[in-house]
Each structure stands twice: as C-alpha cells, then as structure tokens.
All heavy atoms as atom14 arrays in JSON, in Angstrom:
{
  "sequence": "TANAELEYAQAVLDMTGTGDMVSAETIAQR",
  "atom14_mask": [
    [1, 1, 1, 1, 1, 1, 1, 0, 0, 0, 0, 0, 0, 0],
    [1, 1, 1, 1, 1, 0, 0, 0, 0, 0, 0, 0, 0, 0],
    [1, 1, 1, 1, 1, 1, 1, 1, 0, 0, 0, 0, 0, 0],
    [1, 1, 1, 1, 1, 0, 0, 0, 0, 0, 0, 0, 0, 0],
    [1, 1, 1, 1, 1, 1, 1, 1, 1, 0, 0, 0, 0, 0],
    [1, 1, 1, 1, 1, 1, 1, 1, 0, 0, 0, 0, 0, 0],
    [1, 1, 1, 1, 1, 1, 1, 1, 1, 0, 0, 0, 0, 0],
    [1, 1, 1, 1, 1, 1, 1, 1, 1, 1, 1, 1, 0, 0],
    [1, 1, 1, 1, 1, 0, 0, 0, 0, 0, 0, 0, 0, 0],
    [1, 1, 1, 1, 1, 1, 1, 1, 1, 0, 0, 0, 0, 0],
    [1, 1, 1, 1, 1, 0, 0, 0, 0, 0, 0, 0, 0, 0],
    [1, 1, 1, 1, 1, 1, 1, 0, 0, 0, 0, 0, 0, 0],
    [1, 1, 1, 1, 1, 1, 1, 1, 0, 0, 0, 0, 0, 0],
    [1, 1, 1, 1, 1, 1, 1, 1, 0, 0, 0, 0, 0, 0],
    [1, 1, 1, 1, 1, 1, 1, 1, 0, 0, 0, 0, 0, 0],
    [1, 1, 1, 1, 1, 1, 1, 0, 0, 0, 0, 0, 0, 0],
    [1, 1, 1, 1, 0, 0, 0, 0, 0, 0, 0, 0, 0, 0],
    [1, 1, 1, 1, 1, 1, 1, 0, 0, 0, 0, 0, 0, 0],
    [1, 1, 1, 1, 0, 0, 0, 0, 0, 0, 0, 0, 0, 0],
    [1, 1, 1, 1, 1, 1, 1, 1, 0, 0, 0, 0, 0, 0],
    [1, 1, 1, 1, 1, 1, 1, 1, 0, 0, 0, 0, 0, 0],
    [1, 1, 1, 1, 1, 1, 1, 0, 0, 0, 0, 0, 0, 0],
    [1, 1, 1, 1, 1, 1, 0, 0, 0, 0, 0, 0, 0, 0],
    [1, 1, 1, 1, 1, 0, 0, 0, 0, 0, 0, 0, 0, 0],
    [1, 1, 1, 1, 1, 1, 1, 1, 1, 0, 0, 0, 0, 0],
    [1, 1, 1, 1, 1, 1, 1, 0, 0, 0, 0, 0, 0, 0],
    [1, 1, 1, 1, 1, 1, 1, 1, 0, 0, 0, 0, 0, 0],
    [1, 1, 1, 1, 1, 0, 0, 0, 0, 0, 0, 0, 0, 0],
    [1, 1, 1, 1, 1, 1, 1, 1, 1, 0, 0, 0, 0, 0],
    [1, 1, 1, 1, 1, 1, 1, 1, 1, 1, 1, 0, 0, 0]
  ],
  "atom14_positions": [
    [[9.48, -11.7, 1.2], [9.47, -10.19, 1.36], [8.06, -9.63, 1.12], [7.89, -8.44, 1.29], [10.45, -9.61, 0.32], [9.95, -9.94, -0.98], [11.85, -10.06, 0.54], [0.0, 0.0, 0.0], [0.0, 0.0, 0.0], [0.0, 0.0, 0.0], [0.0, 0.0, 0.0], [0.0, 0.0, 0.0], [0.0, 0.0, 0.0], [0.0, 0.0, 0.0]],
    [[7.12, -10.45, 0.82], [5.81, -9.92, 0.43], [5.11, -9.13, 1.53], [4.56, -8.04, 1.33], [4.85, -11.09, 0.01], [0.0, 0.0, 0.0], [0.0, 0.0, 0.0], [0.0, 0.0, 0.0], [0.0, 0.0, 0.0], [0.0, 0.0, 0.0], [0.0, 0.0, 0.0], [0.0, 0.0, 0.0], [0.0, 0.0, 0.0], [0.0, 0.0, 0.0]],
    [[5.22, -9.65, 2.77], [4.56, -8.94, 3.9], [5.21, -7.56, 4.16], [4.54, -6.58, 4.38], [4.7, -9.76, 5.16], [3.7, -10.94, 5.09], [2.71, -10.95, 4.39], [4.0, -12.01, 5.87], [0.0, 0.0, 0.0], [0.0, 0.0, 0.0], [0.0, 0.0, 0.0], [0.0, 0.0, 0.0], [0.0, 0.0, 0.0], [0.0, 0.0, 0.0]],
    [[6.51, -7.52, 4.03], [7.24, -6.22, 4.22], [6.82, -5.22, 3.14], [6.58, -4.06, 3.43], [8.72, -6.44, 4.19], [0.0, 0.0, 0.0], [0.0, 0.0, 0.0], [0.0, 0.0, 0.0], [0.0, 0.0, 0.0], [0.0, 0.0, 0.0], [0.0, 0.0, 0.0], [0.0, 0.0, 0.0], [0.0, 0.0, 0.0], [0.0, 0.0, 0.0]],
    [[6.63, -5.73, 1.9], [6.26, -4.83, 0.84], [4.81, -4.32, 1.06], [4.46, -3.15, 0.84], [6.27, -5.6, -0.5], [7.63, -6.09, -0.95], [8.54, -4.96, -1.49], [8.11, -3.75, -1.35], [9.59, -5.24, -2.03], [0.0, 0.0, 0.0], [0.0, 0.0, 0.0], [0.0, 0.0, 0.0], [0.0, 0.0, 0.0], [0.0, 0.0, 0.0]],
    [[3.95, -5.21, 1.62], [2.57, -4.84, 1.83], [2.49, -3.76, 2.92], [1.72, -2.76, 2.79], [1.76, -6.06, 2.23], [0.26, -5.89, 2.4], [-0.38, -5.35, 1.14], [-0.39, -7.2, 2.82], [0.0, 0.0, 0.0], [0.0, 0.0, 0.0], [0.0, 0.0, 0.0], [0.0, 0.0, 0.0], [0.0, 0.0, 0.0], [0.0, 0.0, 0.0]],
    [[3.29, -3.89, 4.02], [3.22, -2.94, 5.09], [3.72, -1.61, 4.58], [3.23, -0.55, 4.93], [4.13, -3.41, 6.22], [3.55, -4.61, 6.98], [4.51, -5.14, 7.99], [5.56, -4.53, 8.23], [4.22, -6.24, 8.62], [0.0, 0.0, 0.0], [0.0, 0.0, 0.0], [0.0, 0.0, 0.0], [0.0, 0.0, 0.0], [0.0, 0.0, 0.0]],
    [[4.76, -1.61, 3.71], [5.26, -0.36, 3.15], [4.24, 0.34, 2.28], [4.02, 1.53, 2.34], [6.53, -0.74, 2.35], [7.35, 0.55, 1.96], [8.32, 1.04, 2.81], [7.06, 1.25, 0.78], [9.03, 2.16, 2.46], [7.79, 2.33, 0.47], [8.81, 2.86, 1.3], [9.49, 3.95, 0.99], [0.0, 0.0, 0.0], [0.0, 0.0, 0.0]],
    [[3.53, -0.47, 1.48], [2.47, 0.08, 0.59], [1.37, 0.74, 1.4], [0.86, 1.78, 1.07], [1.93, -1.01, -0.29], [0.0, 0.0, 0.0], [0.0, 0.0, 0.0], [0.0, 0.0, 0.0], [0.0, 0.0, 0.0], [0.0, 0.0, 0.0], [0.0, 0.0, 0.0], [0.0, 0.0, 0.0], [0.0, 0.0, 0.0], [0.0, 0.0, 0.0]],
    [[0.98, 0.12, 2.49], [-0.07, 0.7, 3.34], [0.37, 1.99, 3.94], [-0.41, 2.97, 4.03], [-0.47, -0.3, 4.41], [-1.67, 0.2, 5.29], [-2.96, 0.28, 4.4], [-3.32, -0.69, 3.76], [-3.48, 1.5, 4.35], [0.0, 0.0, 0.0], [0.0, 0.0, 0.0], [0.0, 0.0, 0.0], [0.0, 0.0, 0.0], [0.0, 0.0, 0.0]],
    [[1.61, 2.08, 4.35], [2.13, 3.29, 4.86], [2.1, 4.43, 3.84], [1.77, 5.61, 4.12], [3.54, 3.15, 5.36], [0.0, 0.0, 0.0], [0.0, 0.0, 0.0], [0.0, 0.0, 0.0], [0.0, 0.0, 0.0], [0.0, 0.0, 0.0], [0.0, 0.0, 0.0], [0.0, 0.0, 0.0], [0.0, 0.0, 0.0], [0.0, 0.0, 0.0]],
    [[2.38, 4.08, 2.56], [2.31, 5.07, 1.51], [0.88, 5.59, 1.28], [0.63, 6.81, 1.14], [2.85, 4.45, 0.18], [2.56, 5.38, -0.98], [4.36, 4.22, 0.3], [0.0, 0.0, 0.0], [0.0, 0.0, 0.0], [0.0, 0.0, 0.0], [0.0, 0.0, 0.0], [0.0, 0.0, 0.0], [0.0, 0.0, 0.0], [0.0, 0.0, 0.0]],
    [[-0.06, 4.67, 1.35], [-1.49, 5.06, 1.17], [-1.9, 6.0, 2.27], [-2.65, 6.94, 2.02], [-2.38, 3.81, 1.08], [-2.22, 2.94, -0.12], [-3.12, 1.73, -0.04], [-2.51, 3.73, -1.39], [0.0, 0.0, 0.0], [0.0, 0.0, 0.0], [0.0, 0.0, 0.0], [0.0, 0.0, 0.0], [0.0, 0.0, 0.0], [0.0, 0.0, 0.0]],
    [[-1.5, 5.68, 3.51], [-1.85, 6.54, 4.62], [-1.27, 7.94, 4.42], [-1.93, 8.93, 4.79], [-1.34, 5.92, 5.91], [-2.06, 4.62, 6.28], [-3.15, 4.41, 5.74], [-1.51, 3.81, 7.04], [0.0, 0.0, 0.0], [0.0, 0.0, 0.0], [0.0, 0.0, 0.0], [0.0, 0.0, 0.0], [0.0, 0.0, 0.0], [0.0, 0.0, 0.0]],
    [[-0.06, 8.02, 3.89], [0.62, 9.26, 3.73], [-0.03, 10.1, 2.62], [-0.18, 11.31, 2.72], [2.08, 8.99, 3.4], [2.92, 10.27, 3.21], [4.62, 9.84, 2.9], [4.51, 8.87, 1.44], [0.0, 0.0, 0.0], [0.0, 0.0, 0.0], [0.0, 0.0, 0.0], [0.0, 0.0, 0.0], [0.0, 0.0, 0.0], [0.0, 0.0, 0.0]],
    [[-0.44, 9.4, 1.5], [-0.98, 10.12, 0.33], [-2.46, 10.35, 0.41], [-3.04, 11.16, -0.36], [-0.66, 9.36, -0.97], [-1.25, 8.07, -0.84], [0.8, 9.22, -1.17], [0.0, 0.0, 0.0], [0.0, 0.0, 0.0], [0.0, 0.0, 0.0], [0.0, 0.0, 0.0], [0.0, 0.0, 0.0], [0.0, 0.0, 0.0], [0.0, 0.0, 0.0]],
    [[-3.15, 9.63, 1.33], [-4.61, 9.8, 1.5], [-5.36, 9.22, 0.34], [-6.5, 9.64, 0.06], [0.0, 0.0, 0.0], [0.0, 0.0, 0.0], [0.0, 0.0, 0.0], [0.0, 0.0, 0.0], [0.0, 0.0, 0.0], [0.0, 0.0, 0.0], [0.0, 0.0, 0.0], [0.0, 0.0, 0.0], [0.0, 0.0, 0.0], [0.0, 0.0, 0.0]],
    [[-4.86, 8.2, -0.34], [-5.6, 7.55, -1.46], [-6.07, 6.17, -1.1], [-6.41, 5.42, -1.95], [-4.69, 7.47, -2.69], [-3.49, 6.78, -2.33], [-4.37, 8.83, -3.19], [0.0, 0.0, 0.0], [0.0, 0.0, 0.0], [0.0, 0.0, 0.0], [0.0, 0.0, 0.0], [0.0, 0.0, 0.0], [0.0, 0.0, 0.0], [0.0, 0.0, 0.0]],
    [[-6.07, 5.82, 0.2], [-6.46, 4.47, 0.61], [-7.9, 4.12, 0.3], [-8.23, 2.91, 0.16], [0.0, 0.0, 0.0], [0.0, 0.0, 0.0], [0.0, 0.0, 0.0], [0.0, 0.0, 0.0], [0.0, 0.0, 0.0], [0.0, 0.0, 0.0], [0.0, 0.0, 0.0], [0.0, 0.0, 0.0], [0.0, 0.0, 0.0], [0.0, 0.0, 0.0]],
    [[-8.81, 5.08, 0.09], [-10.16, 4.74, -0.26], [-10.29, 4.51, -1.71], [-11.38, 4.05, -2.21], [-11.14, 5.86, 0.15], [-10.82, 7.19, -0.49], [-9.62, 7.38, -0.88], [-11.73, 8.02, -0.61], [0.0, 0.0, 0.0], [0.0, 0.0, 0.0], [0.0, 0.0, 0.0], [0.0, 0.0, 0.0], [0.0, 0.0, 0.0], [0.0, 0.0, 0.0]],
    [[-9.3, 4.78, -2.56], [-9.37, 4.58, -3.98], [-8.6, 3.38, -4.49], [-8.89, 2.84, -5.57], [-8.86, 5.85, -4.71], [-9.62, 7.13, -4.36], [-11.36, 7.05, -4.73], [-11.29, 6.8, -6.52], [0.0, 0.0, 0.0], [0.0, 0.0, 0.0], [0.0, 0.0, 0.0], [0.0, 0.0, 0.0], [0.0, 0.0, 0.0], [0.0, 0.0, 0.0]],
    [[-7.56, 2.95, -3.77], [-6.75, 1.86, -4.25], [-6.2, 1.12, -3.05], [-5.96, 1.74, -1.98], [-5.57, 2.4, -5.14], [-4.7, 3.28, -4.36], [-4.76, 1.21, -5.72], [0.0, 0.0, 0.0], [0.0, 0.0, 0.0], [0.0, 0.0, 0.0], [0.0, 0.0, 0.0], [0.0, 0.0, 0.0], [0.0, 0.0, 0.0], [0.0, 0.0, 0.0]],
    [[-6.08, -0.22, -3.15], [-5.66, -0.98, -2.0], [-4.12, -1.11, -1.91], [-3.41, -0.98, -2.85], [-6.25, -2.39, -2.09], [-5.6, -3.15, -3.08], [0.0, 0.0, 0.0], [0.0, 0.0, 0.0], [0.0, 0.0, 0.0], [0.0, 0.0, 0.0], [0.0, 0.0, 0.0], [0.0, 0.0, 0.0], [0.0, 0.0, 0.0], [0.0, 0.0, 0.0]],
    [[-3.7, -1.37, -0.67], [-2.26, -1.59, -0.43], [-1.78, -2.81, -1.23], [-0.64, -2.82, -1.7], [-1.96, -1.77, 1.08], [0.0, 0.0, 0.0], [0.0, 0.0, 0.0], [0.0, 0.0, 0.0], [0.0, 0.0, 0.0], [0.0, 0.0, 0.0], [0.0, 0.0, 0.0], [0.0, 0.0, 0.0], [0.0, 0.0, 0.0], [0.0, 0.0, 0.0]],
    [[-2.62, -3.83, -1.3], [-2.28, -5.03, -2.08], [-1.89, -4.71, -3.52], [-0.92, -5.24, -4.05], [-3.36, -6.09, -2.01], [-3.54, -6.71, -0.63], [-4.4, -5.87, 0.34], [-4.71, -4.78, -0.01], [-4.67, -6.42, 1.4], [0.0, 0.0, 0.0], [0.0, 0.0, 0.0], [0.0, 0.0, 0.0], [0.0, 0.0, 0.0], [0.0, 0.0, 0.0]],
    [[-2.71, -3.83, -4.06], [-2.51, -3.42, -5.49], [-1.12, -2.77, -5.64], [-0.36, -3.02, -6.55], [-3.61, -2.52, -6.01], [-4.85, -3.22, -5.86], [-3.36, -2.13, -7.43], [0.0, 0.0, 0.0], [0.0, 0.0, 0.0], [0.0, 0.0, 0.0], [0.0, 0.0, 0.0], [0.0, 0.0, 0.0], [0.0, 0.0, 0.0], [0.0, 0.0, 0.0]],
    [[-0.82, -1.79, -4.73], [0.44, -1.12, -4.84], [1.65, -2.01, -4.56], [2.65, -1.99, -5.24], [0.43, 0.05, -3.83], [-0.75, 1.02, -4.13], [1.77, 0.82, -3.92], [-0.73, 1.57, -5.59], [0.0, 0.0, 0.0], [0.0, 0.0, 0.0], [0.0, 0.0, 0.0], [0.0, 0.0, 0.0], [0.0, 0.0, 0.0], [0.0, 0.0, 0.0]],
    [[1.45, -2.92, -3.6], [2.58, -3.83, -3.3], [2.89, -4.71, -4.48], [4.04, -4.93, -4.84], [2.19, -4.75, -2.12], [0.0, 0.0, 0.0], [0.0, 0.0, 0.0], [0.0, 0.0, 0.0], [0.0, 0.0, 0.0], [0.0, 0.0, 0.0], [0.0, 0.0, 0.0], [0.0, 0.0, 0.0], [0.0, 0.0, 0.0], [0.0, 0.0, 0.0]],
    [[1.85, -5.17, -5.21], [2.06, -5.9, -6.4], [2.8, -5.12, -7.46], [3.66, -5.67, -8.15], [0.69, -6.37, -6.98], [-0.04, -7.44, -6.16], [0.58, -8.82, -6.38], [1.41, -8.98, -7.23], [0.14, -9.78, -5.62], [0.0, 0.0, 0.0], [0.0, 0.0, 0.0], [0.0, 0.0, 0.0], [0.0, 0.0, 0.0], [0.0, 0.0, 0.0]],
    [[2.48, -3.81, -7.52], [3.05, -3.0, -8.58], [4.55, -2.75, -8.41], [5.29, -2.69, -9.4], [2.3, -1.68, -8.69], [0.91, -1.83, -9.29], [0.34, -0.49, -9.6], [-0.95, -0.66, -10.27], [-1.55, 0.32, -10.93], [-1.05, 1.52, -11.03], [-2.73, 0.07, -11.52], [0.0, 0.0, 0.0], [0.0, 0.0, 0.0], [0.0, 0.0, 0.0]]
  ]
}
C-alpha cells in the first residue's frame, strides 16, 4: 500500500500548497 499512500500524500501537498516545505514521502510515512 506504500505507493498508494505516497500518491495520496502528494495530492494533499498540492492542495495545501506546502510542497516546498515538506515532502510527500514524509507525510506518507506519518
């Protein structure tokens, strides 16, 4: 399920506009 979690995290970053401050990988791990 890791890839699905990563894609979801990236979508969240795009929506919140915080992609330049924290990576999708970090959020997926969390």
